[in-house]
Structure formats: structure tokens, C-alpha cells
Protein backbone atom coordinates (compact mmCIF):
# COMPACT_ATOMS: atom_id res chain seq x y z
CA UNK A 1 47.44 -3.40 2.75
CA UNK A 2 46.03 -1.88 -0.44
CA UNK A 3 45.50 -5.32 -1.96
CA UNK A 4 43.59 -6.51 1.09
CA UNK A 5 41.34 -3.46 1.18
CA UNK A 6 40.70 -3.80 -2.55
CA UNK A 7 39.60 -7.40 -2.09
CA UNK A 8 37.37 -6.41 0.80
CA UNK A 9 35.79 -3.60 -1.20
CA UNK A 10 35.14 -6.07 -4.02
CA UNK A 11 33.41 -8.46 -1.62
CA UNK A 12 31.34 -5.60 -0.25
CA UNK A 13 30.33 -4.66 -3.80
CA UNK A 14 29.12 -8.21 -4.39
CA UNK A 15 27.12 -8.19 -1.16
CA UNK A 16 25.64 -4.78 -2.04
CA UNK A 17 24.58 -6.16 -5.43
CA UNK A 18 22.88 -9.10 -3.74
CA UNK A 19 21.11 -6.71 -1.36
CA UNK A 20 19.98 -4.66 -4.35
CA UNK A 21 18.51 -7.76 -5.97
CA UNK A 22 16.63 -8.56 -2.77
CA UNK A 23 15.49 -4.94 -2.52
CA UNK A 24 14.04 -5.03 -6.02
CA UNK A 25 12.55 -8.52 -5.85
CA UNK A 26 11.41 -8.57 -2.22
CA UNK A 27 8.03 -10.12 -1.57
CA UNK A 28 6.97 -7.87 1.25
CA UNK A 29 7.77 -4.44 2.58
CA UNK A 30 9.62 -6.00 5.52
CA UNK A 31 11.92 -7.92 3.13
CA UNK A 32 12.74 -4.72 1.29
CA UNK A 33 13.44 -2.82 4.50
CA UNK A 34 15.78 -5.55 5.76
CA UNK A 35 17.60 -5.49 2.40
CA UNK A 36 17.93 -1.70 2.59
CA UNK A 37 19.20 -1.87 6.16
CA UNK A 38 21.71 -4.55 5.19
CA UNK A 39 22.87 -2.36 2.31
CA UNK A 40 23.41 0.48 4.78
CA UNK A 41 25.57 -1.84 6.90
CA UNK A 42 27.58 -2.67 3.78
CA UNK A 43 28.06 1.04 3.08
CA UNK A 44 29.20 1.68 6.65
CA UNK A 45 31.69 -1.19 6.34
CA UNK A 46 32.91 0.34 3.09
CA UNK A 47 33.43 3.66 4.86
CA UNK A 48 35.39 1.81 7.57
CA UNK A 49 37.62 0.23 4.93
CA UNK A 50 38.11 3.66 3.38
CA UNK A 51 39.14 5.00 6.79
CA UNK A 52 41.69 2.22 7.18
CA UNK A 53 42.99 2.76 3.67
CA UNK A 54 43.45 6.52 4.08
CA UNK A 55 44.51 6.46 7.71
CA UNK A 56 42.12 9.30 8.50
CA UNK A 57 39.80 9.26 11.47
CA UNK A 58 37.30 11.73 10.01
CA UNK A 59 35.45 8.87 8.34
CA UNK A 60 34.57 7.47 11.75
CA UNK A 61 32.25 10.39 12.42
CA UNK A 62 30.51 9.74 9.12
CA UNK A 63 30.11 6.08 10.08
CA UNK A 64 28.45 6.97 13.37
CA UNK A 65 26.02 9.39 11.73
CA UNK A 66 25.12 6.92 8.96
CA UNK A 67 24.59 4.14 11.48
CA UNK A 68 22.34 6.28 13.67
CA UNK A 69 20.27 7.45 10.72
CA UNK A 70 19.94 3.89 9.47
CA UNK A 71 18.84 2.58 12.85
CA UNK A 72 16.33 5.39 13.28
CA UNK A 73 14.90 4.85 9.82
CA UNK A 74 14.60 1.10 10.31
CA UNK A 75 12.91 1.54 13.68
CA UNK A 76 10.41 4.01 12.22
CA UNK A 77 9.53 1.75 9.30
CA UNK A 78 9.19 -1.25 11.62
CA UNK A 79 6.77 0.74 13.73
CA UNK A 80 4.83 1.71 10.61
CA UNK A 81 4.60 -1.94 9.52
CA UNK A 82 3.48 -2.96 13.01
CA UNK A 83 0.68 -0.39 13.06
CA UNK A 84 -0.41 -1.18 9.52
CA UNK A 85 -0.58 -4.90 10.19
CA UNK A 86 0.99 -7.76 8.34
CA UNK A 87 -0.24 -8.32 4.81
């Protein structure tokens, strides 16, 4: 089980690095926000793998809070972009 979770965490690290590249080199604000939101999903998946690895359910509360904050932030920025207009 530890080997599997280690492989999964490695794959998540690669995907987080790719999201970071997109975040830094994004053409528009919307591209950067999508990359940041995707990175948050990767972090939440990493927390889920940590919960499986430790066998503790306390991480599930952290996952819910992080997901709600990420969704709220993405919705607010999308509304800001919509009001500002596409550039």
C-alpha cells in the first residue's frame, strides 16, 4: 500500500509541476485561474492519499474545507473576469 501511495504522490507532483508551468506561462488571466484551480484539485487529491496512507479520517474535513474555498475563489474570479470583459 505504501508503494502505491508513493507512486500516486509522485504522479501528483508531476501534475502539480505542469500546472505551475501553465500558471506562470498562461496567456490570459482565465488560463492562470484554471491552472490554479487544477493545482488545488491536485492538492486535495494529495490530502486524500495522505488520509488513505495514515488511516485517519481527520484529513477528510481538511479536504472539504479546501474544496469549498477553492470553488468559492474560482467562482469569484470568474465573476470578476465576466464583469471586466474578455481581453
